[in-house]
Amino acid sequence: MSRNAEGLRQALARIPELREEFWNNVIVMGPAETLSTSLEKAGRVADFMEFAELLCIDALAREESCGSHFRTEYQTQEGEARRNDADFAYVAAWEYAGPGRGPILHKEPLVFENVHLAERSYK
């Protein structure tokens, strides 16, 4: 599985369109007086769209390849993942900033005392 900046930008442009289509066309069946599994499922679909958007934002911000997060722009000549530990050795947490506003990135640096960071070869 791989991704690139162009594809991530295309996904970020398409997700709001899908979200609008979903909210304009969603139909929740069942009586209002009882627990509705259809409503629960619709809520999950809405959550997945929010998650997909954040996943694309995070992937676009991370300009490296590391593990299963493979960006085609960041690879060695042999096609292996090219890490960027100088800029991306951190844990990311994204904060919801409210409707119509982009999420806020919070970073916590990773400190490695017993492990040497290195690019891996899967060949």
PDB file of N, CA and C in Angstrom:
ATOM      1  N   MET A   1       0.850  -1.169   0.000  1.00  0.00           N
ATOM      2  CA  MET A   1       0.000   0.000   0.000  1.00  0.00           C
ATOM      3  C   MET A   1       0.893   1.228   0.000  1.00  0.00           C
ATOM      4  N   SER A   2       0.581   2.162  -0.856  1.00  0.00           N
ATOM      5  CA  SER A   2       1.359   3.396  -0.905  1.00  0.00           C
ATOM      6  C   SER A   2       0.434   4.571  -1.151  1.00  0.00           C
ATOM      7  N   ARG A   3       0.980   5.759  -0.905  1.00  0.00           N
ATOM      8  CA  ARG A   3       0.219   6.991  -1.130  1.00  0.00           C
ATOM      9  C   ARG A   3       1.192   8.071  -1.563  1.00  0.00           C
ATOM     10  N   ASN A   4       0.638   9.156  -2.070  1.00  0.00           N
ATOM     11  CA  ASN A   4       1.463  10.300  -2.441  1.00  0.00           C
ATOM     12  C   ASN A   4       0.669  11.575  -2.184  1.00  0.00           C
ATOM     13  N   ALA A   5       1.358  12.703  -2.227  1.00  0.00           N
ATOM     14  CA  ALA A   5       0.728  13.980  -1.903  1.00  0.00           C
ATOM     15  C   ALA A   5      -0.451  14.274  -2.820  1.00  0.00           C
ATOM     16  N   GLU A   6      -0.298  14.007  -4.112  1.00  0.00           N
ATOM     17  CA  GLU A   6      -1.383  14.293  -5.055  1.00  0.00           C
ATOM     18  C   GLU A   6      -2.642  13.485  -4.715  1.00  0.00           C
ATOM     19  N   GLY A   7      -2.476  12.205  -4.466  1.00  0.00           N
ATOM     20  CA  GLY A   7      -3.629  11.372  -4.124  1.00  0.00           C
ATOM     21  C   GLY A   7      -4.264  11.778  -2.802  1.00  0.00           C
ATOM     22  N   LEU A   8      -3.453  12.162  -1.829  1.00  0.00           N
ATOM     23  CA  LEU A   8      -3.985  12.610  -0.544  1.00  0.00           C
ATOM     24  C   LEU A   8      -4.768  13.912  -0.700  1.00  0.00           C
ATOM     25  N   ARG A   9      -4.271  14.821  -1.528  1.00  0.00           N
ATOM     26  CA  ARG A   9      -5.000  16.078  -1.778  1.00  0.00           C
ATOM     27  C   ARG A   9      -6.318  15.807  -2.503  1.00  0.00           C
ATOM     28  N   GLN A  10      -6.301  14.859  -3.440  1.00  0.00           N
ATOM     29  CA  GLN A  10      -7.540  14.486  -4.131  1.00  0.00           C
ATOM     30  C   GLN A  10      -8.549  13.912  -3.136  1.00  0.00           C
ATOM     31  N   ALA A  11      -8.089  13.068  -2.234  1.00  0.00           N
ATOM     32  CA  ALA A  11      -8.978  12.499  -1.228  1.00  0.00           C
ATOM     33  C   ALA A  11      -9.541  13.595  -0.326  1.00  0.00           C
ATOM     34  N   LEU A  12      -8.689  14.533   0.073  1.00  0.00           N
ATOM     35  CA  LEU A  12      -9.151  15.630   0.928  1.00  0.00           C
ATOM     36  C   LEU A  12     -10.168  16.520   0.222  1.00  0.00           C
ATOM     37  N   ALA A  13     -10.087  16.621  -1.087  1.00  0.00           N
ATOM     38  CA  ALA A  13     -11.085  17.387  -1.844  1.00  0.00           C
ATOM     39  C   ALA A  13     -12.381  16.599  -1.970  1.00  0.00           C
ATOM     40  N   ARG A  14     -12.291  15.293  -2.059  1.00  0.00           N
ATOM     41  CA  ARG A  14     -13.470  14.445  -2.289  1.00  0.00           C
ATOM     42  C   ARG A  14     -14.258  14.154  -1.003  1.00  0.00           C
ATOM     43  N   ILE A  15     -13.597  14.046   0.116  1.00  0.00           N
ATOM     44  CA  ILE A  15     -14.274  13.686   1.371  1.00  0.00           C
ATOM     45  C   ILE A  15     -15.386  14.670   1.735  1.00  0.00           C
ATOM     46  N   PRO A  16     -15.188  15.997   1.662  1.00  0.00           N
ATOM     47  CA  PRO A  16     -16.305  16.906   1.963  1.00  0.00           C
ATOM     48  C   PRO A  16     -17.494  16.707   1.025  1.00  0.00           C
ATOM     49  N   GLU A  17     -17.229  16.395  -0.240  1.00  0.00           N
ATOM     50  CA  GLU A  17     -18.314  16.122  -1.181  1.00  0.00           C
ATOM     51  C   GLU A  17     -19.098  14.881  -0.759  1.00  0.00           C
ATOM     52  N   LEU A  18     -18.378  13.845  -0.375  1.00  0.00           N
ATOM     53  CA  LEU A  18     -19.036  12.607   0.092  1.00  0.00           C
ATOM     54  C   LEU A  18     -19.821  12.856   1.378  1.00  0.00           C
ATOM     55  N   ARG A  19     -19.240  13.656   2.272  1.00  0.00           N
ATOM     56  CA  ARG A  19     -19.911  13.969   3.537  1.00  0.00           C
ATOM     57  C   ARG A  19     -21.221  14.704   3.275  1.00  0.00           C
ATOM     58  N   GLU A  20     -21.179  15.708   2.383  1.00  0.00           N
ATOM     59  CA  GLU A  20     -22.390  16.462   2.059  1.00  0.00           C
ATOM     60  C   GLU A  20     -23.436  15.561   1.416  1.00  0.00           C
ATOM     61  N   GLU A  21     -23.005  14.710   0.498  1.00  0.00           N
ATOM     62  CA  GLU A  21     -23.933  13.779  -0.140  1.00  0.00           C
ATOM     63  C   GLU A  21     -24.559  12.843   0.896  1.00  0.00           C
ATOM     64  N   PHE A  22     -23.750  12.357   1.817  1.00  0.00           N
ATOM     65  CA  PHE A  22     -24.255  11.475   2.868  1.00  0.00           C
ATOM     66  C   PHE A  22     -25.331  12.179   3.687  1.00  0.00           C
ATOM     67  N   TRP A  23     -25.027  13.378   4.198  1.00  0.00           N
ATOM     68  CA  TRP A  23     -25.985  14.071   5.062  1.00  0.00           C
ATOM     69  C   TRP A  23     -27.238  14.503   4.299  1.00  0.00           C
ATOM     70  N   ASN A  24     -27.121  14.775   3.019  1.00  0.00           N
ATOM     71  CA  ASN A  24     -28.290  15.149   2.221  1.00  0.00           C
ATOM     72  C   ASN A  24     -29.168  13.963   1.858  1.00  0.00           C
ATOM     73  N   ASN A  25     -28.586  12.777   1.809  1.00  0.00           N
ATOM     74  CA  ASN A  25     -29.328  11.617   1.326  1.00  0.00           C
ATOM     75  C   ASN A  25     -29.525  10.499   2.345  1.00  0.00           C
ATOM     76  N   VAL A  26     -28.971  10.629   3.532  1.00  0.00           N
ATOM     77  CA  VAL A  26     -29.104   9.550   4.507  1.00  0.00           C
ATOM     78  C   VAL A  26     -30.572   9.400   4.934  1.00  0.00           C
ATOM     79  N   ILE A  27     -31.018   8.176   5.019  1.00  0.00           N
ATOM     80  CA  ILE A  27     -32.364   7.864   5.496  1.00  0.00           C
ATOM     81  C   ILE A  27     -32.214   6.869   6.639  1.00  0.00           C
ATOM     82  N   VAL A  28     -32.749   7.221   7.779  1.00  0.00           N
ATOM     83  CA  VAL A  28     -32.689   6.347   8.945  1.00  0.00           C
ATOM     84  C   VAL A  28     -34.067   5.757   9.148  1.00  0.00           C
ATOM     85  N   MET A  29     -34.140   4.458   8.981  1.00  0.00           N
ATOM     86  CA  MET A  29     -35.422   3.757   9.089  1.00  0.00           C
ATOM     87  C   MET A  29     -35.707   3.400  10.544  1.00  0.00           C
ATOM     88  N   GLY A  30     -36.969   3.186  10.834  1.00  0.00           N
ATOM     89  CA  GLY A  30     -37.373   2.723  12.160  1.00  0.00           C
ATOM     90  C   GLY A  30     -38.092   3.789  12.949  1.00  0.00           C
ATOM     91  N   PRO A  31     -38.827   3.348  13.976  1.00  0.00           N
ATOM     92  CA  PRO A  31     -39.573   4.297  14.806  1.00  0.00           C
ATOM     93  C   PRO A  31     -38.643   5.111  15.709  1.00  0.00           C
ATOM     94  N   ALA A  32     -39.049   6.320  16.006  1.00  0.00           N
ATOM     95  CA  ALA A  32     -38.249   7.216  16.835  1.00  0.00           C
ATOM     96  C   ALA A  32     -38.285   6.827  18.311  1.00  0.00           C
ATOM     97  N   GLU A  33     -39.256   5.995  18.698  1.00  0.00           N
ATOM     98  CA  GLU A  33     -39.439   5.667  20.113  1.00  0.00           C
ATOM     99  C   GLU A  33     -38.535   4.532  20.589  1.00  0.00           C
ATOM    100  N   THR A  34     -37.861   3.849  19.687  1.00  0.00           N
ATOM    101  CA  THR A  34     -37.039   2.701  20.083  1.00  0.00           C
ATOM    102  C   THR A  34     -35.596   2.913  19.645  1.00  0.00           C
ATOM    103  N   LEU A  35     -34.722   2.070  20.186  1.00  0.00           N
ATOM    104  CA  LEU A  35     -33.326   2.103  19.801  1.00  0.00           C
ATOM    105  C   LEU A  35     -33.209   1.782  18.317  1.00  0.00           C
ATOM    106  N   SER A  36     -32.537   2.611  17.580  1.00  0.00           N
ATOM    107  CA  SER A  36     -32.425   2.440  16.137  1.00  0.00           C
ATOM    108  C   SER A  36     -31.001   2.039  15.773  1.00  0.00           C
ATOM    109  N   THR A  37     -30.837   0.799  15.337  1.00  0.00           N
ATOM    110  CA  THR A  37     -29.509   0.384  14.884  1.00  0.00           C
ATOM    111  C   THR A  37     -29.143   1.097  13.576  1.00  0.00           C
ATOM    112  N   SER A  38     -30.138   1.489  12.794  1.00  0.00           N
ATOM    113  CA  SER A  38     -29.860   2.240  11.566  1.00  0.00           C
ATOM    114  C   SER A  38     -29.247   3.601  11.890  1.00  0.00           C
ATOM    115  N   LEU A  39     -29.752   4.245  12.933  1.00  0.00           N
ATOM    116  CA  LEU A  39     -29.198   5.533  13.351  1.00  0.00           C
ATOM    117  C   LEU A  39     -27.763   5.339  13.853  1.00  0.00           C
ATOM    118  N   GLU A  40     -27.554   4.272  14.597  1.00  0.00           N
ATOM    119  CA  GLU A  40     -26.210   3.965  15.095  1.00  0.00           C
ATOM    120  C   GLU A  40     -25.240   3.752  13.926  1.00  0.00           C
ATOM    121  N   LYS A  41     -25.667   3.015  12.925  1.00  0.00           N
ATOM    122  CA  LYS A  41     -24.817   2.759  11.760  1.00  0.00           C
ATOM    123  C   LYS A  41     -24.552   4.046  10.979  1.00  0.00           C
ATOM    124  N   ALA A  42     -25.542   4.900  10.837  1.00  0.00           N
ATOM    125  CA  ALA A  42     -25.352   6.178  10.141  1.00  0.00           C
ATOM    126  C   ALA A  42     -24.326   7.032  10.883  1.00  0.00           C
ATOM    127  N   GLY A  43     -24.388   7.016  12.201  1.00  0.00           N
ATOM    128  CA  GLY A  43     -23.406   7.750  13.006  1.00  0.00           C
ATOM    129  C   GLY A  43     -22.003   7.218  12.801  1.00  0.00           C
ATOM    130  N   ARG A  44     -21.888   5.915  12.666  1.00  0.00           N
ATOM    131  CA  ARG A  44     -20.568   5.318  12.420  1.00  0.00           C
ATOM    132  C   ARG A  44     -20.021   5.732  11.062  1.00  0.00           C
ATOM    133  N   VAL A  45     -20.874   5.765  10.049  1.00  0.00           N
ATOM    134  CA  VAL A  45     -20.428   6.197   8.717  1.00  0.00           C
ATOM    135  C   VAL A  45     -19.930   7.639   8.792  1.00  0.00           C
ATOM    136  N   ALA A  46     -20.660   8.488   9.489  1.00  0.00           N
ATOM    137  CA  ALA A  46     -20.240   9.889   9.649  1.00  0.00           C
ATOM    138  C   ALA A  46     -18.888   9.956  10.364  1.00  0.00           C
ATOM    139  N   ASP A  47     -18.714   9.145  11.402  1.00  0.00           N
ATOM    140  CA  ASP A  47     -17.438   9.111  12.124  1.00  0.00           C
ATOM    141  C   ASP A  47     -16.302   8.661  11.216  1.00  0.00           C
ATOM    142  N   PHE A  48     -16.567   7.662  10.376  1.00  0.00           N
ATOM    143  CA  PHE A  48     -15.530   7.154   9.475  1.00  0.00           C
ATOM    144  C   PHE A  48     -15.102   8.223   8.471  1.00  0.00           C
ATOM    145  N   MET A  49     -16.023   9.073   8.042  1.00  0.00           N
ATOM    146  CA  MET A  49     -15.654  10.154   7.124  1.00  0.00           C
ATOM    147  C   MET A  49     -14.759  11.166   7.825  1.00  0.00           C
ATOM    148  N   GLU A  50     -15.070  11.469   9.065  1.00  0.00           N
ATOM    149  CA  GLU A  50     -14.223  12.380   9.844  1.00  0.00           C
ATOM    150  C   GLU A  50     -12.831  11.767  10.024  1.00  0.00           C
ATOM    151  N   PHE A  51     -12.803  10.478  10.341  1.00  0.00           N
ATOM    152  CA  PHE A  51     -11.528   9.792  10.543  1.00  0.00           C
ATOM    153  C   PHE A  51     -10.718   9.747   9.248  1.00  0.00           C
ATOM    154  N   ALA A  52     -11.375   9.468   8.116  1.00  0.00           N
ATOM    155  CA  ALA A  52     -10.684   9.412   6.825  1.00  0.00           C
ATOM    156  C   ALA A  52     -10.037  10.755   6.506  1.00  0.00           C
ATOM    157  N   GLU A  53     -10.753  11.826   6.781  1.00  0.00           N
ATOM    158  CA  GLU A  53     -10.216  13.158   6.514  1.00  0.00           C
ATOM    159  C   GLU A  53      -8.988  13.425   7.375  1.00  0.00           C
ATOM    160  N   LEU A  54      -9.072  13.103   8.655  1.00  0.00           N
ATOM    161  CA  LEU A  54      -7.938  13.320   9.552  1.00  0.00           C
ATOM    162  C   LEU A  54      -6.759  12.430   9.169  1.00  0.00           C
ATOM    163  N   LEU A  55      -7.035  11.207   8.772  1.00  0.00           N
ATOM    164  CA  LEU A  55      -5.980  10.294   8.345  1.00  0.00           C
ATOM    165  C   LEU A  55      -5.232  10.878   7.143  1.00  0.00           C
ATOM    166  N   CYS A  56      -5.955  11.452   6.194  1.00  0.00           N
ATOM    167  CA  CYS A  56      -5.325  12.069   5.018  1.00  0.00           C
ATOM    168  C   CYS A  56      -4.526  13.306   5.407  1.00  0.00           C
ATOM    169  N   ILE A  57      -5.053  14.118   6.308  1.00  0.00           N
ATOM    170  CA  ILE A  57      -4.334  15.311   6.777  1.00  0.00           C
ATOM    171  C   ILE A  57      -3.026  14.902   7.432  1.00  0.00           C
ATOM    172  N   ASP A  58      -3.090  13.892   8.297  1.00  0.00           N
ATOM    173  CA  ASP A  58      -1.897  13.413   8.994  1.00  0.00           C
ATOM    174  C   ASP A  58      -0.887  12.832   8.011  1.00  0.00           C
ATOM    175  N   ALA A  59      -1.352  12.024   7.072  1.00  0.00           N
ATOM    176  CA  ALA A  59      -0.460  11.409   6.085  1.00  0.00           C
ATOM    177  C   ALA A  59       0.201  12.458   5.204  1.00  0.00           C
ATOM    178  N   LEU A  60      -0.516  13.509   4.866  1.00  0.00           N
ATOM    179  CA  LEU A  60       0.046  14.574   4.035  1.00  0.00           C
ATOM    180  C   LEU A  60       1.102  15.367   4.813  1.00  0.00           C
ATOM    181  N   ALA A  61       0.866  15.550   6.100  1.00  0.00           N
ATOM    182  CA  ALA A  61       1.808  16.302   6.932  1.00  0.00           C
ATOM    183  C   ALA A  61       3.105  15.528   7.178  1.00  0.00           C
ATOM    184  N   ARG A  62       3.024  14.214   7.171  1.00  0.00           N
ATOM    185  CA  ARG A  62       4.196  13.379   7.466  1.00  0.00           C
ATOM    186  C   ARG A  62       4.951  13.112   6.165  1.00  0.00           C
ATOM    187  N   GLU A  63       5.965  13.908   5.932  1.00  0.00           N
ATOM    188  CA  GLU A  63       6.725  13.839   4.687  1.00  0.00           C
ATOM    189  C   GLU A  63       7.901  12.879   4.832  1.00  0.00           C
ATOM    190  N   GLU A  64       7.565  11.618   4.912  1.00  0.00           N
ATOM    191  CA  GLU A  64       8.540  10.532   5.011  1.00  0.00           C
ATOM    192  C   GLU A  64       7.809   9.225   4.751  1.00  0.00           C
ATOM    193  N   SER A  65       8.576   8.173   4.628  1.00  0.00           N
ATOM    194  CA  SER A  65       8.020   6.827   4.618  1.00  0.00           C
ATOM    195  C   SER A  65       8.568   6.119   5.842  1.00  0.00           C
ATOM    196  N   CYS A  66       7.696   5.447   6.558  1.00  0.00           N
ATOM    197  CA  CYS A  66       8.126   4.765   7.767  1.00  0.00           C
ATOM    198  C   CYS A  66       7.174   3.604   8.019  1.00  0.00           C
ATOM    199  N   GLY A  67       7.706   2.413   8.055  1.00  0.00           N
ATOM    200  CA  GLY A  67       6.863   1.242   8.284  1.00  0.00           C
ATOM    201  C   GLY A  67       5.837   1.090   7.177  1.00  0.00           C
ATOM    202  N   SER A  68       4.584   0.941   7.569  1.00  0.00           N
ATOM    203  CA  SER A  68       3.532   0.759   6.562  1.00  0.00           C
ATOM    204  C   SER A  68       3.038   2.091   6.000  1.00  0.00           C
ATOM    205  N   HIS A  69       3.567   3.195   6.480  1.00  0.00           N
ATOM    206  CA  HIS A  69       3.182   4.516   5.987  1.00  0.00           C
ATOM    207  C   HIS A  69       4.125   4.902   4.844  1.00  0.00           C
ATOM    208  N   PHE A  70       3.850   4.387   3.667  1.00  0.00           N
ATOM    209  CA  PHE A  70       4.758   4.538   2.539  1.00  0.00           C
ATOM    210  C   PHE A  70       4.285   5.640   1.610  1.00  0.00           C
ATOM    211  N   ARG A  71       5.091   6.690   1.497  1.00  0.00           N
ATOM    212  CA  ARG A  71       4.839   7.779   0.558  1.00  0.00           C
ATOM    213  C   ARG A  71       5.780   7.565  -0.624  1.00  0.00           C
ATOM    214  N   THR A  72       5.237   7.527  -1.816  1.00  0.00           N
ATOM    215  CA  THR A  72       6.054   7.241  -2.996  1.00  0.00           C
ATOM    216  C   THR A  72       7.125   8.299  -3.230  1.00  0.00           C
ATOM    217  N   GLU A  73       6.901   9.520  -2.740  1.00  0.00           N
ATOM    218  CA  GLU A  73       7.890  10.585  -2.899  1.00  0.00           C
ATOM    219  C   GLU A  73       9.100  10.390  -1.991  1.00  0.00           C
ATOM    220  N   TYR A  74       8.950   9.530  -0.986  1.00  0.00           N
ATOM    221  CA  TYR A  74      10.003   9.354   0.013  1.00  0.00           C
ATOM    222  C   TYR A  74      10.408   7.886   0.066  1.00  0.00           C
ATOM    223  N   GLN A  75      11.250   7.524  -0.911  1.00  0.00           N
ATOM    224  CA  GLN A  75      11.760   6.162  -0.965  1.00  0.00           C
ATOM    225  C   GLN A  75      13.196   6.185  -1.483  1.00  0.00           C
ATOM    226  N   THR A  76      13.922   5.148  -1.147  1.00  0.00           N
ATOM    227  CA  THR A  76      15.290   5.028  -1.631  1.00  0.00           C
ATOM    228  C   THR A  76      15.274   4.614  -3.095  1.00  0.00           C
ATOM    229  N   GLN A  77      16.426   4.621  -3.732  1.00  0.00           N
ATOM    230  CA  GLN A  77      16.505   4.185  -5.128  1.00  0.00           C
ATOM    231  C   GLN A  77      16.132   2.716  -5.280  1.00  0.00           C
ATOM    232  N   GLU A  78      16.245   1.957  -4.200  1.00  0.00           N
ATOM    233  CA  GLU A  78      15.876   0.544  -4.227  1.00  0.00           C
ATOM    234  C   GLU A  78      14.385   0.334  -3.928  1.00  0.00           C
ATOM    235  N   GLY A  79      13.645   1.423  -3.728  1.00  0.00           N
ATOM    236  CA  GLY A  79      12.218   1.321  -3.449  1.00  0.00           C
ATOM    237  C   GLY A  79      11.866   1.066  -1.998  1.00  0.00           C
ATOM    238  N   GLU A  80      12.822   1.256  -1.106  1.00  0.00           N
ATOM    239  CA  GLU A  80      12.583   1.066   0.327  1.00  0.00           C
ATOM    240  C   GLU A  80      12.126   2.393   0.958  1.00  0.00           C
ATOM    241  N   ALA A  81      11.475   2.292   2.092  1.00  0.00           N
ATOM    242  CA  ALA A  81      10.996   3.471   2.812  1.00  0.00           C
ATOM    243  C   ALA A  81      12.165   4.353   3.234  1.00  0.00           C
ATOM    244  N   ARG A  82      12.042   5.665   2.984  1.00  0.00           N
ATOM    245  CA  ARG A  82      13.056   6.631   3.404  1.00  0.00           C
ATOM    246  C   ARG A  82      12.513   7.431   4.580  1.00  0.00           C
ATOM    247  N   ARG A  83      13.087   7.206   5.717  1.00  0.00           N
ATOM    248  CA  ARG A  83      12.660   7.873   6.952  1.00  0.00           C
ATOM    249  C   ARG A  83      13.218   9.296   7.026  1.00  0.00           C
ATOM    250  N   ASN A  84      12.608  10.082   7.912  1.00  0.00           N
ATOM    251  CA  ASN A  84      13.077  11.429   8.197  1.00  0.00           C
ATOM    252  C   ASN A  84      12.959  11.629   9.700  1.00  0.00           C
ATOM    253  N   ASP A  85      13.847  10.980  10.435  1.00  0.00           N
ATOM    254  CA  ASP A  85      13.790  11.028  11.898  1.00  0.00           C
ATOM    255  C   ASP A  85      14.092  12.412  12.453  1.00  0.00           C
ATOM    256  N   ALA A  86      14.813  13.231  11.718  1.00  0.00           N
ATOM    257  CA  ALA A  86      15.121  14.580  12.202  1.00  0.00           C
ATOM    258  C   ALA A  86      13.854  15.409  12.374  1.00  0.00           C
ATOM    259  N   ASP A  87      12.874  15.209  11.485  1.00  0.00           N
ATOM    260  CA  ASP A  87      11.651  16.009  11.533  1.00  0.00           C
ATOM    261  C   ASP A  87      10.424  15.258  12.045  1.00  0.00           C
ATOM    262  N   PHE A  88      10.471  13.924  12.065  1.00  0.00           N
ATOM    263  CA  PHE A  88       9.245  13.188  12.359  1.00  0.00           C
ATOM    264  C   PHE A  88       9.378  12.142  13.459  1.00  0.00           C
ATOM    265  N   ALA A  89      10.324  12.297  14.359  1.00  0.00           N
ATOM    266  CA  ALA A  89      10.427  11.383  15.499  1.00  0.00           C
ATOM    267  C   ALA A  89       9.570  11.931  16.639  1.00  0.00           C
ATOM    268  N   TYR A  90       8.267  11.844  16.446  1.00  0.00           N
ATOM    269  CA  TYR A  90       7.325  12.318  17.463  1.00  0.00           C
ATOM    270  C   TYR A  90       6.035  11.515  17.394  1.00  0.00           C
ATOM    271  N   VAL A  91       5.286  11.593  18.463  1.00  0.00           N
ATOM    272  CA  VAL A  91       3.931  11.048  18.504  1.00  0.00           C
ATOM    273  C   VAL A  91       2.990  12.203  18.204  1.00  0.00           C
ATOM    274  N   ALA A  92       2.046  11.981  17.310  1.00  0.00           N
ATOM    275  CA  ALA A  92       1.115  13.030  16.924  1.00  0.00           C
ATOM    276  C   ALA A  92      -0.248  12.802  17.566  1.00  0.00           C
ATOM    277  N   ALA A  93      -0.837  13.867  18.046  1.00  0.00           N
ATOM    278  CA  ALA A  93      -2.221  13.848  18.530  1.00  0.00           C
ATOM    279  C   ALA A  93      -2.900  15.070  17.914  1.00  0.00           C
ATOM    280  N   TRP A  94      -4.047  14.828  17.304  1.00  0.00           N
ATOM    281  CA  TRP A  94      -4.771  15.908  16.632  1.00  0.00           C
ATOM    282  C   TRP A  94      -5.961  16.328  17.488  1.00  0.00           C
ATOM    283  N   GLU A  95      -6.122  17.633  17.636  1.00  0.00           N
ATOM    284  CA  GLU A  95      -7.212  18.203  18.434  1.00  0.00           C
ATOM    285  C   GLU A  95      -8.299  18.750  17.517  1.00  0.00           C
ATOM    286  N   TYR A  96      -9.533  18.386  17.798  1.00  0.00           N
ATOM    287  CA  TYR A  96     -10.674  18.926  17.065  1.00  0.00           C
ATOM    288  C   TYR A  96     -10.805  20.401  17.411  1.00  0.00           C
ATOM    289  N   ALA A  97     -10.887  21.261  16.399  1.00  0.00           N
ATOM    290  CA  ALA A  97     -10.908  22.705  16.619  1.00  0.00           C
ATOM    291  C   ALA A  97     -12.276  23.326  16.372  1.00  0.00           C
ATOM    292  N   GLY A  98     -13.272  22.511  16.065  1.00  0.00           N
ATOM    293  CA  GLY A  98     -14.613  23.029  15.843  1.00  0.00           C
ATOM    294  C   GLY A  98     -15.018  22.951  14.388  1.00  0.00           C
ATOM    295  N   PRO A  99     -16.305  23.118  14.133  1.00  0.00           N
ATOM    296  CA  PRO A  99     -16.811  23.013  12.760  1.00  0.00           C
ATOM    297  C   PRO A  99     -16.164  24.031  11.833  1.00  0.00           C
ATOM    298  N   GLY A 100     -15.775  23.570  10.656  1.00  0.00           N
ATOM    299  CA  GLY A 100     -15.207  24.456   9.660  1.00  0.00           C
ATOM    300  C   GLY A 100     -13.773  24.869   9.900  1.00  0.00           C
ATOM    301  N   ARG A 101     -13.165  24.337  10.945  1.00  0.00           N
ATOM    302  CA  ARG A 101     -11.774  24.674  11.252  1.00  0.00           C
ATOM    303  C   ARG A 101     -10.932  23.410  11.165  1.00  0.00           C
ATOM    304  N   GLY A 102      -9.702  23.570  10.735  1.00  0.00           N
ATOM    305  CA  GLY A 102      -8.797  22.427  10.638  1.00  0.00           C
ATOM    306  C   GLY A 102      -8.346  21.953  12.004  1.00  0.00           C
ATOM    307  N   PRO A 103      -7.971  20.686  12.097  1.00  0.00           N
ATOM    308  CA  PRO A 103      -7.492  20.159  13.382  1.00  0.00           C
ATOM    309  C   PRO A 103      -6.145  20.760  13.752  1.00  0.00           C
ATOM    310  N   ILE A 104      -5.834  20.724  15.029  1.00  0.00           N
ATOM    311  CA  ILE A 104      -4.586  21.276  15.551  1.00  0.00           C
ATOM    312  C   ILE A 104      -3.667  20.110  15.900  1.00  0.00           C
ATOM    313  N   LEU A 105      -2.446  20.155  15.384  1.00  0.00           N
ATOM    314  CA  LEU A 105      -1.479  19.096  15.626  1.00  0.00           C
ATOM    315  C   LEU A 105      -0.710  19.368  16.913  1.00  0.00           C
ATOM    316  N   HIS A 106      -0.671  18.359  17.775  1.00  0.00           N
ATOM    317  CA  HIS A 106       0.153  18.394  18.980  1.00  0.00           C
ATOM    318  C   HIS A 106       1.203  17.308  18.833  1.00  0.00           C
ATOM    319  N   LYS A 107       2.446  17.638  19.152  1.00  0.00           N
ATOM    320  CA  LYS A 107       3.546  16.689  18.997  1.00  0.00           C
ATOM    321  C   LYS A 107       4.216  16.435  20.340  1.00  0.00           C
ATOM    322  N   GLU A 108       4.581  15.176  20.550  1.00  0.00           N
ATOM    323  CA  GLU A 108       5.382  14.805  21.707  1.00  0.00           C
ATOM    324  C   GLU A 108       6.619  14.091  21.176  1.00  0.00           C
ATOM    325  N   PRO A 109       7.804  14.652  21.403  1.00  0.00           N
ATOM    326  CA  PRO A 109       9.016  14.043  20.854  1.00  0.00           C
ATOM    327  C   PRO A 109       9.230  12.628  21.395  1.00  0.00           C
ATOM    328  N   LEU A 110       9.744  11.780  20.536  1.00  0.00           N
ATOM    329  CA  LEU A 110      10.131  10.435  20.942  1.00  0.00           C
ATOM    330  C   LEU A 110      11.618  10.450  21.278  1.00  0.00           C
ATOM    331  N   VAL A 111      11.970   9.861  22.391  1.00  0.00           N
ATOM    332  CA  VAL A 111      13.361   9.775  22.809  1.00  0.00           C
ATOM    333  C   VAL A 111      13.743   8.308  22.819  1.00  0.00           C
ATOM    334  N   PHE A 112      14.778   7.967  22.082  1.00  0.00           N
ATOM    335  CA  PHE A 112      15.238   6.591  21.979  1.00  0.00           C
ATOM    336  C   PHE A 112      16.588   6.478  22.667  1.00  0.00           C
ATOM    337  N   GLU A 113      16.627   5.758  23.770  1.00  0.00           N
ATOM    338  CA  GLU A 113      17.878   5.586  24.500  1.00  0.00           C
ATOM    339  C   GLU A 113      18.536   4.246  24.190  1.00  0.00           C
ATOM    340  N   ASN A 114      17.755   3.215  23.948  1.00  0.00           N
ATOM    341  CA  ASN A 114      18.296   1.876  23.771  1.00  0.00           C
ATOM    342  C   ASN A 114      18.147   1.334  22.355  1.00  0.00           C
ATOM    343  N   VAL A 115      17.527   2.102  21.487  1.00  0.00           N
ATOM    344  CA  VAL A 115      17.282   1.654  20.119  1.00  0.00           C
ATOM    345  C   VAL A 115      17.864   2.685  19.165  1.00  0.00           C
ATOM    346  N   HIS A 116      18.600   2.214  18.179  1.00  0.00           N
ATOM    347  CA  HIS A 116      19.142   3.103  17.158  1.00  0.00           C
ATOM    348  C   HIS A 116      18.151   3.157  16.001  1.00  0.00           C
ATOM    349  N   LEU A 117      17.698   4.355  15.642  1.00  0.00           N
ATOM    350  CA  LEU A 117      16.773   4.493  14.530  1.00  0.00           C
ATOM    351  C   LEU A 117      17.502   4.261  13.222  1.00  0.00           C
ATOM    352  N   ALA A 118      16.898   3.468  12.340  1.00  0.00           N
ATOM    353  CA  ALA A 118      17.518   3.166  11.060  1.00  0.00           C
ATOM    354  C   ALA A 118      16.459   2.789  10.042  1.00  0.00           C
ATOM    355  N   GLU A 119      16.773   3.055   8.778  1.00  0.00           N
ATOM    356  CA  GLU A 119      15.885   2.608   7.707  1.00  0.00           C
ATOM    357  C   GLU A 119      15.979   1.095   7.630  1.00  0.00           C
ATOM    358  N   ARG A 120      14.832   0.461   7.350  1.00  0.00           N
ATOM    359  CA  ARG A 120      14.793  -0.977   7.246  1.00  0.00           C
ATOM    360  C   ARG A 120      14.775  -1.395   5.793  1.00  0.00           C
ATOM    361  N   SER A 121      15.305  -2.558   5.551  1.00  0.00           N
ATOM    362  CA  SER A 121      15.220  -3.154   4.234  1.00  0.00           C
ATOM    363  C   SER A 121      14.337  -4.397   4.339  1.00  0.00           C
ATOM    364  N   TYR A 122      13.336  -4.488   3.484  1.00  0.00           N
ATOM    365  CA  TYR A 122      12.447  -5.622   3.500  1.00  0.00           C
ATOM    366  C   TYR A 122      12.758  -6.596   2.365  1.00  0.00           C
ATOM    367  N   LYS A 123      13.936  -6.432   1.767  1.00  0.00           N
ATOM    368  CA  LYS A 123      14.322  -7.315   0.659  1.00  0.00           C
ATOM    369  C   LYS A 123      14.935  -8.590   1.179  1.00  0.00           C
TER     370      LYS A 123
END
